[in-house]
Amino acid sequence: MPGARCPVLPSVEGLARTLLCIYAARGLAIQVDVSPEHFIRGQQEDLEEMLGNLLDNACKWAKSNVKIQSVLEGGAVIVTVDDDGSGLAASMRDVVLQRGVRADEAAPGSGLGLAIVRDLVELYEGTFSLEDSPIGGLRARLRLPT
């Protein structure tokens, strides 16, 4: 298993600040509900790569709100990233996890972000899924070992 104990909150706070600057013209709100007591077993850089890709996607597609939260569940930290955008059809959710596949060619991006997240999650023996969000758009759900 790669890495040592890595706190989730500092990565999230830094990424949220950066993305609020990048997307300042859109007037987005990013709600952070991540416990300072939640750690994963892994490298800080890998965690930031995963969370950065998920938060950037959420900011790209959100109408006005993005939410990231963490909970402990049976030896793992569950991190969810929600947006209030238009969501993604269930039939496309597995497809967009492939390298180079993009759901919307009109939006900027390379189509690599979600594939990178998927690969890193597999490396850490976690799980990754895309689901309907309770705030209206898409939810990305990571389960990473503590």
Protein backbone atom coordinates (compact mmCIF):
# COMPACT_ATOMS: atom_id res chain seq x y z
CA MET A 1 0.00 0.00 0.00
CA PRO A 2 1.58 3.32 -1.05
CA GLY A 3 2.25 6.04 1.47
CA ALA A 4 1.70 6.92 5.07
CA ARG A 5 -1.24 8.60 6.85
CA CYS A 6 -2.36 11.66 4.95
CA PRO A 7 -4.90 14.21 6.30
CA VAL A 8 -7.80 15.00 3.96
CA LEU A 9 -8.77 18.49 5.20
CA PRO A 10 -5.63 20.52 4.32
CA SER A 11 -5.78 19.27 0.73
CA VAL A 12 -9.45 20.10 0.43
CA GLU A 13 -9.11 23.60 1.91
CA GLY A 14 -6.22 24.51 -0.37
CA LEU A 15 -7.91 23.16 -3.46
CA ALA A 16 -11.18 24.92 -2.63
CA ARG A 17 -9.38 28.28 -2.26
CA THR A 18 -7.58 27.79 -5.58
CA LEU A 19 -10.72 26.78 -7.45
CA LEU A 20 -12.72 29.69 -6.02
CA CYS A 21 -10.08 31.98 -7.55
CA ILE A 22 -10.06 30.16 -10.89
CA TYR A 23 -13.86 30.20 -11.14
CA ALA A 24 -14.35 33.61 -9.45
CA ALA A 25 -16.26 35.04 -12.43
CA ARG A 26 -18.88 32.29 -12.01
CA GLY A 27 -19.63 33.21 -8.38
CA LEU A 28 -19.55 29.61 -7.19
CA ALA A 29 -19.81 28.57 -3.56
CA ILE A 30 -17.81 25.60 -2.32
CA GLN A 31 -19.01 24.14 0.96
CA VAL A 32 -16.37 22.12 2.82
CA ASP A 33 -17.56 19.62 5.42
CA VAL A 34 -14.42 17.53 5.97
CA SER A 35 -13.22 16.48 9.40
CA PRO A 36 -9.66 17.34 10.46
CA GLU A 37 -9.59 13.85 11.99
CA HIS A 38 -10.01 12.03 8.66
CA PHE A 39 -6.85 10.51 7.19
CA ILE A 40 -6.20 8.17 4.30
CA ARG A 41 -3.33 5.77 3.81
CA GLY A 42 -1.52 7.33 0.86
CA GLN A 43 0.63 10.08 -0.58
CA GLN A 44 -0.48 13.71 -0.22
CA GLU A 45 0.20 14.35 -3.92
CA ASP A 46 -2.04 11.48 -4.99
CA LEU A 47 -4.85 12.64 -2.71
CA GLU A 48 -4.58 16.17 -4.10
CA GLU A 49 -4.60 14.82 -7.67
CA MET A 50 -7.80 12.88 -7.01
CA LEU A 51 -9.57 15.66 -5.12
CA GLY A 52 -8.35 18.35 -7.50
CA ASN A 53 -9.75 16.55 -10.54
CA LEU A 54 -13.09 15.91 -8.83
CA LEU A 55 -13.47 19.45 -7.48
CA ASP A 56 -12.44 21.00 -10.81
CA ASN A 57 -15.04 18.90 -12.65
CA ALA A 58 -17.69 19.85 -10.10
CA CYS A 59 -16.83 23.55 -10.49
CA LYS A 60 -16.94 23.25 -14.30
CA TRP A 61 -20.45 21.82 -14.29
CA ALA A 62 -22.04 23.42 -11.22
CA LYS A 63 -24.68 26.09 -11.56
CA SER A 64 -23.69 27.77 -8.30
CA ASN A 65 -22.86 25.21 -5.58
CA VAL A 66 -20.26 22.53 -4.93
CA LYS A 67 -20.08 20.52 -1.74
CA ILE A 68 -17.33 18.23 -0.49
CA GLN A 69 -17.70 16.15 2.63
CA SER A 70 -16.07 13.22 4.38
CA VAL A 71 -17.32 10.49 6.71
CA LEU A 72 -15.71 7.44 8.30
CA GLU A 73 -17.16 4.08 7.37
CA GLY A 74 -15.67 0.71 8.30
CA GLY A 75 -11.94 1.41 8.05
CA ALA A 76 -12.27 3.88 5.19
CA VAL A 77 -12.88 7.55 4.56
CA ILE A 78 -15.74 8.26 2.18
CA VAL A 79 -15.27 11.57 0.35
CA THR A 80 -18.15 12.86 -1.73
CA VAL A 81 -18.04 15.80 -4.13
CA ASP A 82 -21.45 17.10 -5.22
CA ASP A 83 -22.46 19.77 -7.70
CA ASP A 84 -25.82 21.30 -8.56
CA GLY A 85 -25.30 21.15 -12.31
CA SER A 86 -27.22 19.17 -14.90
CA GLY A 87 -25.72 15.83 -13.88
CA LEU A 88 -24.61 12.99 -16.11
CA ALA A 89 -26.77 10.27 -17.61
CA ALA A 90 -26.28 6.91 -15.90
CA SER A 91 -25.38 5.38 -19.28
CA MET A 92 -22.36 7.74 -19.55
CA ARG A 93 -20.92 7.23 -16.06
CA ASP A 94 -18.70 4.26 -16.85
CA VAL A 95 -17.79 5.70 -20.25
CA VAL A 96 -16.34 8.96 -18.86
CA LEU A 97 -13.97 6.98 -16.62
CA GLN A 98 -12.04 5.87 -19.71
CA ARG A 99 -8.95 7.83 -20.81
CA GLY A 100 -9.64 10.57 -23.33
CA VAL A 101 -13.44 10.34 -23.11
CA ARG A 102 -15.28 13.58 -22.44
CA ALA A 103 -18.98 13.96 -21.76
CA ASP A 104 -19.17 17.35 -23.47
CA GLU A 105 -16.65 18.44 -26.10
CA ALA A 106 -17.74 22.08 -25.67
CA ALA A 107 -16.24 22.24 -22.16
CA PRO A 108 -12.49 22.59 -21.65
CA GLY A 109 -10.56 19.52 -20.62
CA SER A 110 -8.55 16.55 -21.84
CA GLY A 111 -10.77 13.69 -20.76
CA LEU A 112 -8.04 12.36 -18.47
CA GLY A 113 -9.10 13.60 -15.03
CA LEU A 114 -11.65 10.95 -14.09
CA ALA A 115 -9.48 8.17 -15.53
CA ILE A 116 -6.58 9.37 -13.37
CA VAL A 117 -8.86 9.37 -10.32
CA ARG A 118 -10.02 5.84 -11.17
CA ASP A 119 -6.43 4.60 -11.58
CA LEU A 120 -5.24 6.15 -8.30
CA VAL A 121 -8.24 4.83 -6.37
CA GLU A 122 -7.50 1.33 -7.69
CA LEU A 123 -3.83 1.71 -6.66
CA TYR A 124 -4.98 2.46 -3.11
CA GLU A 125 -7.47 -0.42 -3.15
CA GLY A 126 -10.42 1.94 -2.81
CA THR A 127 -13.57 2.45 -4.83
CA PHE A 128 -14.83 5.29 -7.00
CA SER A 129 -18.31 5.87 -8.37
CA LEU A 130 -20.41 8.54 -10.04
CA GLU A 131 -23.98 8.90 -8.79
CA ASP A 132 -26.92 11.28 -8.72
CA SER A 133 -26.28 14.13 -6.30
CA PRO A 134 -28.79 15.11 -3.63
CA ILE A 135 -28.19 18.75 -4.62
CA GLY A 136 -29.22 18.12 -8.23
CA GLY A 137 -26.16 17.35 -10.32
CA LEU A 138 -23.49 14.68 -10.09
CA ARG A 139 -21.89 13.08 -7.04
CA ALA A 140 -18.38 11.65 -7.17
CA ARG A 141 -17.85 9.18 -4.33
CA LEU A 142 -14.40 8.01 -3.22
CA ARG A 143 -13.83 5.29 -0.65
CA LEU A 144 -10.20 5.22 0.50
CA PRO A 145 -8.62 3.07 3.23
CA THR A 146 -7.53 4.73 6.45
